[in-house]
Amino acid sequence: MSRTGTTDDGDELLTRLGDLTAQARAQAEMQRSRVELALALQSGMLPRDLPVARRLHLAVRYAPACQGLNVGGDWYDAFTLGDGRIGLSIGDVQGHNIEAAAFMGQVRAGLRALASVTSEPGKVLARTNDLLLSLGSDLFATCTFMRLDPCAGVLESARAGHLPCIWATADGKSGLTSDEGGPPLGVQTGMPYPVTRYELTTGGVFVLLTDGVVEGPSMRLEEGLDQVTRLAGIAAVAGMDVDALAAAVIKGAERVGHDDDAAVLVVGLDGPDAQP
């Protein structure tokens, strides 16, 4: 009995399997390239240096998501304003792809540029919101922008749909900021962003973070915020260095069971007689 038909069928099956394997490899390579591009965009857009000022201590941590294509648009920023005060921002762009990473760069650059015109936090967010809407993007971003006077220890904060910040004092008190806030940036034009003033006392800290630090499949948002609040309180009482606190906060993000970006910015203040 002839076996020619069986051999031809086997050869055709091997050919098809080879084609499918080649296609799968090409798709995997394209996905890897897109992830690498998004990660490069992220790292290139985050600040390389943090501002230096008397009494001020800043520390940051950033853990990009890189599972599959889940590369998002979280960012942090800190820069010196024209009058010597410090601008601080942290935020999260909707989505997890190259577009989100690129949009993050636009938001961060817009905040910096507009803060050079008027550093009042509510106006910075309002003008950034209108700028983003004029670009015609379908994306939006949550954000907190703060203006810090390190000499007076005064923080002015405006929030655009973002998580509250966490504060702690050297005498053992801690909690969440309670400012009213406004909607995310890029959703609706002409929105107001109320400003709330806080006092950053000697030895105290403020922790700015994104939801990837405190929320995921394994942890509810309230639980995650509570953990960081307790950690900040302990750190302030113990006089922990802000860099060590930032490292401890980002370490806790491993417990939330997610593959989202995670960003942390910690602000601390020395006494008035401390050397820079």
C-alpha atoms as a PDB file:
ATOM      1  CA  MET A   1       0.000   0.000   0.000  1.00  0.00           C
ATOM      2  CA  SER A   2       1.324   3.482  -0.975  1.00  0.00           C
ATOM      3  CA  ARG A   3       2.247   5.926   1.848  1.00  0.00           C
ATOM      4  CA  THR A   4       2.761   8.978  -0.412  1.00  0.00           C
ATOM      5  CA  GLY A   5      -0.419  10.757   0.753  1.00  0.00           C
ATOM      6  CA  THR A   6       0.525  10.348   4.404  1.00  0.00           C
ATOM      7  CA  THR A   7       4.022  11.743   3.797  1.00  0.00           C
ATOM      8  CA  ASP A   8       2.661  14.741   1.887  1.00  0.00           C
ATOM      9  CA  ASP A   9       0.175  15.480   4.674  1.00  0.00           C
ATOM     10  CA  GLY A  10       2.963  15.318   7.256  1.00  0.00           C
ATOM     11  CA  ASP A  11       5.162  17.666   5.263  1.00  0.00           C
ATOM     12  CA  GLU A  12       2.295  20.144   4.869  1.00  0.00           C
ATOM     13  CA  LEU A  13       1.606  20.025   8.634  1.00  0.00           C
ATOM     14  CA  LEU A  14       5.262  20.686   9.434  1.00  0.00           C
ATOM     15  CA  THR A  15       5.293  23.606   7.013  1.00  0.00           C
ATOM     16  CA  ARG A  16       2.211  25.129   8.618  1.00  0.00           C
ATOM     17  CA  LEU A  17       3.654  24.652  12.094  1.00  0.00           C
ATOM     18  CA  GLY A  18       6.854  26.344  10.949  1.00  0.00           C
ATOM     19  CA  ASP A  19       4.884  29.290   9.591  1.00  0.00           C
ATOM     20  CA  LEU A  20       2.891  29.632  12.820  1.00  0.00           C
ATOM     21  CA  THR A  21       6.083  29.469  14.879  1.00  0.00           C
ATOM     22  CA  ALA A  22       7.680  32.186  12.762  1.00  0.00           C
ATOM     23  CA  GLN A  23       4.595  34.384  13.145  1.00  0.00           C
ATOM     24  CA  ALA A  24       4.566  33.855  16.905  1.00  0.00           C
ATOM     25  CA  ARG A  25       8.249  34.775  17.123  1.00  0.00           C
ATOM     26  CA  ALA A  26       7.670  37.915  15.059  1.00  0.00           C
ATOM     27  CA  GLN A  27       4.763  38.987  17.268  1.00  0.00           C
ATOM     28  CA  ALA A  28       6.751  38.306  20.424  1.00  0.00           C
ATOM     29  CA  GLU A  29       9.656  40.346  19.078  1.00  0.00           C
ATOM     30  CA  MET A  30       7.332  43.221  18.174  1.00  0.00           C
ATOM     31  CA  GLN A  31       5.797  43.158  21.674  1.00  0.00           C
ATOM     32  CA  ARG A  32       9.246  43.112  23.269  1.00  0.00           C
ATOM     33  CA  SER A  33      10.312  46.067  21.128  1.00  0.00           C
ATOM     34  CA  ARG A  34       7.199  48.027  22.093  1.00  0.00           C
ATOM     35  CA  VAL A  35       7.807  47.366  25.792  1.00  0.00           C
ATOM     36  CA  GLU A  36      11.449  48.423  25.471  1.00  0.00           C
ATOM     37  CA  LEU A  37      10.384  51.584  23.657  1.00  0.00           C
ATOM     38  CA  ALA A  38       7.811  52.446  26.324  1.00  0.00           C
ATOM     39  CA  LEU A  39      10.323  51.829  29.114  1.00  0.00           C
ATOM     40  CA  ALA A  40      12.854  54.033  27.321  1.00  0.00           C
ATOM     41  CA  LEU A  41      10.221  56.760  27.008  1.00  0.00           C
ATOM     42  CA  GLN A  42       9.470  56.513  30.712  1.00  0.00           C
ATOM     43  CA  SER A  43      13.054  56.605  31.898  1.00  0.00           C
ATOM     44  CA  GLY A  44      13.922  59.445  29.531  1.00  0.00           C
ATOM     45  CA  MET A  45      11.058  61.627  30.732  1.00  0.00           C
ATOM     46  CA  LEU A  46      11.577  61.248  34.482  1.00  0.00           C
ATOM     47  CA  PRO A  47      13.884  63.827  36.127  1.00  0.00           C
ATOM     48  CA  ARG A  48      17.524  62.840  36.476  1.00  0.00           C
ATOM     49  CA  ASP A  49      18.226  65.159  39.409  1.00  0.00           C
ATOM     50  CA  LEU A  50      16.195  66.448  42.338  1.00  0.00           C
ATOM     51  CA  PRO A  51      16.348  70.066  43.527  1.00  0.00           C
ATOM     52  CA  VAL A  52      18.505  71.002  46.503  1.00  0.00           C
ATOM     53  CA  ALA A  53      17.401  73.514  49.124  1.00  0.00           C
ATOM     54  CA  ARG A  54      18.243  74.287  52.724  1.00  0.00           C
ATOM     55  CA  ARG A  55      16.346  72.029  55.181  1.00  0.00           C
ATOM     56  CA  LEU A  56      14.773  70.043  52.312  1.00  0.00           C
ATOM     57  CA  HIS A  57      15.152  66.312  51.790  1.00  0.00           C
ATOM     58  CA  LEU A  58      13.642  64.533  48.780  1.00  0.00           C
ATOM     59  CA  ALA A  59      13.665  60.868  47.837  1.00  0.00           C
ATOM     60  CA  VAL A  60      12.004  59.018  44.967  1.00  0.00           C
ATOM     61  CA  ARG A  61      11.412  55.447  43.869  1.00  0.00           C
ATOM     62  CA  TYR A  62       9.922  54.203  40.616  1.00  0.00           C
ATOM     63  CA  ALA A  63       9.055  50.628  39.649  1.00  0.00           C
ATOM     64  CA  PRO A  64       7.806  50.359  36.027  1.00  0.00           C
ATOM     65  CA  ALA A  65       5.423  47.580  35.105  1.00  0.00           C
ATOM     66  CA  CYS A  66       6.852  45.401  32.361  1.00  0.00           C
ATOM     67  CA  GLN A  67       4.637  42.335  32.189  1.00  0.00           C
ATOM     68  CA  GLY A  68       3.368  41.933  28.640  1.00  0.00           C
ATOM     69  CA  LEU A  69       2.472  45.379  27.328  1.00  0.00           C
ATOM     70  CA  ASN A  70       1.443  46.778  30.708  1.00  0.00           C
ATOM     71  CA  VAL A  71       3.834  49.701  30.632  1.00  0.00           C
ATOM     72  CA  GLY A  72       1.959  52.654  32.009  1.00  0.00           C
ATOM     73  CA  GLY A  73       2.354  56.367  32.469  1.00  0.00           C
ATOM     74  CA  ASP A  74       3.076  57.005  36.152  1.00  0.00           C
ATOM     75  CA  TRP A  75       5.479  59.858  36.878  1.00  0.00           C
ATOM     76  CA  TYR A  76       6.993  61.998  39.612  1.00  0.00           C
ATOM     77  CA  ASP A  77       8.716  65.361  39.339  1.00  0.00           C
ATOM     78  CA  ALA A  78      10.427  67.931  41.544  1.00  0.00           C
ATOM     79  CA  PHE A  79      11.957  71.204  40.372  1.00  0.00           C
ATOM     80  CA  THR A  80      12.924  74.665  41.594  1.00  0.00           C
ATOM     81  CA  LEU A  81      10.483  77.467  40.785  1.00  0.00           C
ATOM     82  CA  GLY A  82      11.502  80.990  39.808  1.00  0.00           C
ATOM     83  CA  ASP A  83      11.016  82.356  43.337  1.00  0.00           C
ATOM     84  CA  GLY A  84      13.081  79.601  44.969  1.00  0.00           C
ATOM     85  CA  ARG A  85      10.154  77.507  46.106  1.00  0.00           C
ATOM     86  CA  ILE A  86       9.883  73.859  45.013  1.00  0.00           C
ATOM     87  CA  GLY A  87       7.342  72.409  42.599  1.00  0.00           C
ATOM     88  CA  LEU A  88       6.328  68.794  43.223  1.00  0.00           C
ATOM     89  CA  SER A  89       4.094  66.601  41.094  1.00  0.00           C
ATOM     90  CA  ILE A  90       3.067  62.993  40.878  1.00  0.00           C
ATOM     91  CA  GLY A  91       0.499  61.381  38.623  1.00  0.00           C
ATOM     92  CA  ASP A  92      -0.834  58.518  36.600  1.00  0.00           C
ATOM     93  CA  VAL A  93      -1.964  58.433  32.964  1.00  0.00           C
ATOM     94  CA  GLN A  94      -4.868  56.195  31.984  1.00  0.00           C
ATOM     95  CA  GLY A  95      -3.760  53.155  29.996  1.00  0.00           C
ATOM     96  CA  HIS A  96      -0.778  50.838  29.797  1.00  0.00           C
ATOM     97  CA  ASN A  97       0.960  51.237  26.452  1.00  0.00           C
ATOM     98  CA  ILE A  98       3.349  53.416  24.476  1.00  0.00           C
ATOM     99  CA  GLU A  99       0.681  56.087  24.054  1.00  0.00           C
ATOM    100  CA  ALA A 100       0.259  56.350  27.840  1.00  0.00           C
ATOM    101  CA  ALA A 101       4.012  56.702  28.334  1.00  0.00           C
ATOM    102  CA  ALA A 102       4.207  59.423  25.668  1.00  0.00           C
ATOM    103  CA  PHE A 103       1.181  61.263  27.102  1.00  0.00           C
ATOM    104  CA  MET A 104       2.859  61.170  30.501  1.00  0.00           C
ATOM    105  CA  GLY A 105       5.739  63.143  29.031  1.00  0.00           C
ATOM    106  CA  GLN A 106       3.339  65.750  27.665  1.00  0.00           C
ATOM    107  CA  VAL A 107       1.621  66.146  31.042  1.00  0.00           C
ATOM    108  CA  ARG A 108       4.877  66.464  32.963  1.00  0.00           C
ATOM    109  CA  ALA A 109       6.334  68.953  30.475  1.00  0.00           C
ATOM    110  CA  GLY A 110       3.097  70.955  30.505  1.00  0.00           C
ATOM    111  CA  LEU A 111       3.097  71.167  34.299  1.00  0.00           C
ATOM    112  CA  ARG A 112       6.682  72.416  34.364  1.00  0.00           C
ATOM    113  CA  ALA A 113       6.148  74.958  31.611  1.00  0.00           C
ATOM    114  CA  LEU A 114       2.961  76.373  33.111  1.00  0.00           C
ATOM    115  CA  ALA A 115       4.451  76.451  36.623  1.00  0.00           C
ATOM    116  CA  SER A 116       7.079  78.847  35.260  1.00  0.00           C
ATOM    117  CA  VAL A 117       4.254  81.252  34.368  1.00  0.00           C
ATOM    118  CA  THR A 118       2.174  80.863  37.535  1.00  0.00           C
ATOM    119  CA  SER A 119       3.191  78.464  40.283  1.00  0.00           C
ATOM    120  CA  GLU A 120      -0.124  78.640  42.177  1.00  0.00           C
ATOM    121  CA  PRO A 121      -1.085  74.922  42.221  1.00  0.00           C
ATOM    122  CA  GLY A 122      -4.752  75.357  41.321  1.00  0.00           C
ATOM    123  CA  LYS A 123      -3.937  77.519  38.319  1.00  0.00           C
ATOM    124  CA  VAL A 124      -1.178  75.143  37.205  1.00  0.00           C
ATOM    125  CA  LEU A 125      -3.616  72.222  37.113  1.00  0.00           C
ATOM    126  CA  ALA A 126      -6.411  74.244  35.478  1.00  0.00           C
ATOM    127  CA  ARG A 127      -4.154  75.476  32.690  1.00  0.00           C
ATOM    128  CA  THR A 128      -2.588  72.051  32.197  1.00  0.00           C
ATOM    129  CA  ASN A 129      -6.072  70.574  31.948  1.00  0.00           C
ATOM    130  CA  ASP A 130      -7.052  73.026  29.217  1.00  0.00           C
ATOM    131  CA  LEU A 131      -3.758  72.459  27.410  1.00  0.00           C
ATOM    132  CA  LEU A 132      -4.257  68.695  27.328  1.00  0.00           C
ATOM    133  CA  LEU A 133      -7.812  69.074  26.055  1.00  0.00           C
ATOM    134  CA  SER A 134      -6.543  71.291  23.233  1.00  0.00           C
ATOM    135  CA  LEU A 135      -4.277  68.444  22.077  1.00  0.00           C
ATOM    136  CA  GLY A 136      -7.320  66.305  21.288  1.00  0.00           C
ATOM    137  CA  SER A 137      -6.108  63.142  23.014  1.00  0.00           C
ATOM    138  CA  ASP A 138      -8.521  60.510  24.324  1.00  0.00           C
ATOM    139  CA  LEU A 139      -6.304  59.915  27.354  1.00  0.00           C
ATOM    140  CA  PHE A 140      -6.546  61.555  30.767  1.00  0.00           C
ATOM    141  CA  ALA A 141      -4.329  61.747  33.840  1.00  0.00           C
ATOM    142  CA  THR A 142      -4.720  62.022  37.590  1.00  0.00           C
ATOM    143  CA  CYS A 143      -2.240  64.307  39.290  1.00  0.00           C
ATOM    144  CA  THR A 144      -1.239  66.122  42.464  1.00  0.00           C
ATOM    145  CA  PHE A 145       0.755  69.343  42.183  1.00  0.00           C
ATOM    146  CA  MET A 146       2.326  70.999  45.228  1.00  0.00           C
ATOM    147  CA  ARG A 147       4.281  74.173  45.856  1.00  0.00           C
ATOM    148  CA  LEU A 148       6.636  73.965  48.836  1.00  0.00           C
ATOM    149  CA  ASP A 149       8.329  76.804  50.681  1.00  0.00           C
ATOM    150  CA  PRO A 150      11.103  74.923  52.512  1.00  0.00           C
ATOM    151  CA  CYS A 151      12.005  77.969  54.627  1.00  0.00           C
ATOM    152  CA  ALA A 152       8.507  78.384  56.028  1.00  0.00           C
ATOM    153  CA  GLY A 153       7.543  74.704  55.810  1.00  0.00           C
ATOM    154  CA  VAL A 154       4.345  75.582  53.916  1.00  0.00           C
ATOM    155  CA  LEU A 155       2.926  73.185  51.319  1.00  0.00           C
ATOM    156  CA  GLU A 156       0.172  74.314  48.950  1.00  0.00           C
ATOM    157  CA  SER A 157      -1.557  71.419  47.216  1.00  0.00           C
ATOM    158  CA  ALA A 158      -4.066  70.916  44.400  1.00  0.00           C
ATOM    159  CA  ARG A 159      -5.339  67.534  43.301  1.00  0.00           C
ATOM    160  CA  ALA A 160      -6.804  66.352  39.993  1.00  0.00           C
ATOM    161  CA  GLY A 161      -8.548  63.053  40.673  1.00  0.00           C
ATOM    162  CA  HIS A 162      -5.437  61.603  42.295  1.00  0.00           C
ATOM    163  CA  LEU A 163      -4.904  59.707  45.535  1.00  0.00           C
ATOM    164  CA  PRO A 164      -4.532  61.735  48.736  1.00  0.00           C
ATOM    165  CA  CYS A 165      -1.027  62.227  50.064  1.00  0.00           C
ATOM    166  CA  ILE A 166       0.163  60.826  53.360  1.00  0.00           C
ATOM    167  CA  TRP A 167       1.652  62.984  56.118  1.00  0.00           C
ATOM    168  CA  ALA A 168       3.373  62.235  59.398  1.00  0.00           C
ATOM    169  CA  THR A 169       4.933  64.362  62.134  1.00  0.00           C
ATOM    170  CA  ALA A 170       7.820  63.708  64.477  1.00  0.00           C
ATOM    171  CA  ASP A 171       5.471  63.623  67.481  1.00  0.00           C
ATOM    172  CA  GLY A 172       3.676  60.509  66.209  1.00  0.00           C
ATOM    173  CA  LYS A 173       0.709  61.892  64.304  1.00  0.00           C
ATOM    174  CA  SER A 174      -0.087  60.729  60.758  1.00  0.00           C
ATOM    175  CA  GLY A 175      -2.930  60.642  58.266  1.00  0.00           C
ATOM    176  CA  LEU A 176      -4.189  61.406  54.766  1.00  0.00           C
ATOM    177  CA  THR A 177      -4.496  64.845  53.228  1.00  0.00           C
ATOM    178  CA  SER A 178      -8.098  65.988  53.002  1.00  0.00           C
ATOM    179  CA  ASP A 179      -8.096  68.567  50.210  1.00  0.00           C
ATOM    180  CA  GLU A 180     -11.210  68.751  48.049  1.00  0.00           C
ATOM    181  CA  GLY A 181      -9.566  68.211  44.678  1.00  0.00           C
ATOM    182  CA  GLY A 182     -11.006  68.311  41.167  1.00  0.00           C
ATOM    183  CA  PRO A 183     -11.492  65.914  38.224  1.00  0.00           C
ATOM    184  CA  PRO A 184      -8.645  64.252  36.308  1.00  0.00           C
ATOM    185  CA  LEU A 185      -6.755  66.299  33.738  1.00  0.00           C
ATOM    186  CA  GLY A 186      -7.996  66.045  30.177  1.00  0.00           C
ATOM    187  CA  VAL A 187     -11.659  65.285  30.912  1.00  0.00           C
ATOM    188  CA  GLN A 188     -13.572  68.568  30.976  1.00  0.00           C
ATOM    189  CA  THR A 189     -12.530  72.118  30.190  1.00  0.00           C
ATOM    190  CA  GLY A 190     -12.747  75.062  32.585  1.00  0.00           C
ATOM    191  CA  MET A 191     -12.587  73.011  35.775  1.00  0.00           C
ATOM    192  CA  PRO A 192     -11.442  74.577  39.094  1.00  0.00           C
ATOM    193  CA  TYR A 193      -8.839  72.912  41.323  1.00  0.00           C
ATOM    194  CA  PRO A 194      -9.048  74.140  44.938  1.00  0.00           C
ATOM    195  CA  VAL A 195      -5.805  74.716  46.835  1.00  0.00           C
ATOM    196  CA  THR A 196      -5.213  73.489  50.392  1.00  0.00           C
ATOM    197  CA  ARG A 197      -2.344  74.636  52.619  1.00  0.00           C
ATOM    198  CA  TYR A 198      -0.445  72.248  54.870  1.00  0.00           C
ATOM    199  CA  GLU A 199       2.422  72.698  57.293  1.00  0.00           C
ATOM    200  CA  LEU A 200       5.472  70.470  56.885  1.00  0.00           C
ATOM    201  CA  THR A 201       6.942  70.546  60.378  1.00  0.00           C
ATOM    202  CA  THR A 202      10.510  69.793  61.415  1.00  0.00           C
ATOM    203  CA  GLY A 203      11.126  66.052  61.193  1.00  0.00           C
ATOM    204  CA  GLY A 204       7.831  65.508  59.409  1.00  0.00           C
ATOM    205  CA  VAL A 205       7.268  63.894  56.032  1.00  0.00           C
ATOM    206  CA  PHE A 206       4.822  63.994  53.136  1.00  0.00           C
ATOM    207  CA  VAL A 207       4.505  60.914  50.930  1.00  0.00           C
ATOM    208  CA  LEU A 208       3.183  61.332  47.383  1.00  0.00           C
ATOM    209  CA  LEU A 209       2.413  58.102  45.546  1.00  0.00           C
ATOM    210  CA  THR A 210       0.478  56.452  42.719  1.00  0.00           C
ATOM    211  CA  ASP A 211      -2.148  53.738  43.100  1.00  0.00           C
ATOM    212  CA  GLY A 212       0.258  51.015  41.970  1.00  0.00           C
ATOM    213  CA  VAL A 213       1.898  51.333  45.391  1.00  0.00           C
ATOM    214  CA  VAL A 214      -1.238  50.698  47.435  1.00  0.00           C
ATOM    215  CA  GLU A 215      -3.891  48.964  45.340  1.00  0.00           C
ATOM    216  CA  GLY A 216      -4.164  45.707  43.415  1.00  0.00           C
ATOM    217  CA  PRO A 217      -5.841  42.300  43.302  1.00  0.00           C
ATOM    218  CA  SER A 218      -4.312  41.334  46.642  1.00  0.00           C
ATOM    219  CA  MET A 219      -4.926  44.582  48.516  1.00  0.00           C
ATOM    220  CA  ARG A 220      -7.755  47.091  48.783  1.00  0.00           C
ATOM    221  CA  LEU A 221      -6.890  50.769  48.385  1.00  0.00           C
ATOM    222  CA  GLU A 222      -7.888  51.618  51.955  1.00  0.00           C
ATOM    223  CA  GLU A 223      -5.690  48.847  53.322  1.00  0.00           C
ATOM    224  CA  GLY A 224      -2.721  49.927  51.226  1.00  0.00           C
ATOM    225  CA  LEU A 225      -3.030  53.579  52.253  1.00  0.00           C
ATOM    226  CA  ASP A 226      -3.341  52.557  55.883  1.00  0.00           C
ATOM    227  CA  GLN A 227      -0.124  50.529  55.675  1.00  0.00           C
ATOM    228  CA  VAL A 228       1.837  53.419  54.195  1.00  0.00           C
ATOM    229  CA  THR A 229       0.347  55.834  56.761  1.00  0.00           C
ATOM    230  CA  ARG A 230       1.525  53.609  59.617  1.00  0.00           C
ATOM    231  CA  LEU A 231       4.946  53.236  58.000  1.00  0.00           C
ATOM    232  CA  ALA A 232       5.306  57.010  57.539  1.00  0.00           C
ATOM    233  CA  GLY A 233       4.303  57.577  61.170  1.00  0.00           C
ATOM    234  CA  ILE A 234       6.898  55.132  62.454  1.00  0.00           C
ATOM    235  CA  ALA A 235       9.557  56.619  60.158  1.00  0.00           C
ATOM    236  CA  ALA A 236       8.897  60.189  61.342  1.00  0.00           C
ATOM    237  CA  VAL A 237       9.042  59.257  65.023  1.00  0.00           C
ATOM    238  CA  ALA A 238      12.224  57.228  64.503  1.00  0.00           C
ATOM    239  CA  GLY A 239      13.868  59.950  62.423  1.00  0.00           C
ATOM    240  CA  MET A 240      14.237  57.606  59.459  1.00  0.00           C
ATOM    241  CA  ASP A 241      16.004  59.011  56.418  1.00  0.00           C
ATOM    242  CA  VAL A 242      13.580  59.920  53.606  1.00  0.00           C
ATOM    243  CA  ASP A 243      15.478  57.667  51.202  1.00  0.00           C
ATOM    244  CA  ALA A 244      14.981  54.686  53.506  1.00  0.00           C
ATOM    245  CA  LEU A 245      11.293  55.531  53.843  1.00  0.00           C
ATOM    246  CA  ALA A 246      10.858  55.741  50.057  1.00  0.00           C
ATOM    247  CA  ALA A 247      12.569  52.363  49.679  1.00  0.00           C
ATOM    248  CA  ALA A 248      10.303  50.815  52.322  1.00  0.00           C
ATOM    249  CA  VAL A 249       7.150  52.233  50.696  1.00  0.00           C
ATOM    250  CA  ILE A 250       8.015  50.951  47.209  1.00  0.00           C
ATOM    251  CA  LYS A 251       8.943  47.568  48.707  1.00  0.00           C
ATOM    252  CA  GLY A 252       5.408  47.295  50.050  1.00  0.00           C
ATOM    253  CA  ALA A 253       4.073  47.618  46.495  1.00  0.00           C
ATOM    254  CA  GLU A 254       5.198  44.031  45.905  1.00  0.00           C
ATOM    255  CA  ARG A 255       2.356  42.824  48.143  1.00  0.00           C
ATOM    256  CA  VAL A 256      -0.547  44.299  46.189  1.00  0.00           C
ATOM    257  CA  GLY A 257      -0.463  41.583  43.514  1.00  0.00           C
ATOM    258  CA  HIS A 258      -0.481  43.830  40.437  1.00  0.00           C
ATOM    259  CA  ASP A 259       1.631  44.561  37.387  1.00  0.00           C
ATOM    260  CA  ASP A 260       1.037  48.317  37.386  1.00  0.00           C
ATOM    261  CA  ASP A 261       3.598  51.112  37.627  1.00  0.00           C
ATOM    262  CA  ALA A 262       4.445  52.357  41.109  1.00  0.00           C
ATOM    263  CA  ALA A 263       5.901  55.783  41.955  1.00  0.00           C
ATOM    264  CA  VAL A 264       6.806  57.318  45.315  1.00  0.00           C
ATOM    265  CA  LEU A 265       8.030  60.818  46.196  1.00  0.00           C
ATOM    266  CA  VAL A 266       8.911  61.537  49.843  1.00  0.00           C
ATOM    267  CA  VAL A 267       9.414  65.080  51.163  1.00  0.00           C
ATOM    268  CA  GLY A 268      11.108  65.745  54.517  1.00  0.00           C
ATOM    269  CA  LEU A 269      12.226  68.860  56.384  1.00  0.00           C
ATOM    270  CA  ASP A 270      15.072  69.502  58.823  1.00  0.00           C
ATOM    271  CA  GLY A 271      15.094  72.072  61.605  1.00  0.00           C
ATOM    272  CA  PRO A 272      15.749  75.735  60.740  1.00  0.00           C
ATOM    273  CA  ASP A 273      19.368  75.535  61.891  1.00  0.00           C
ATOM    274  CA  ALA A 274      20.248  72.404  59.909  1.00  0.00           C
ATOM    275  CA  GLN A 275      22.942  72.578  57.262  1.00  0.00           C
ATOM    276  CA  PRO A 276      22.069  71.561  53.684  1.00  0.00           C
END
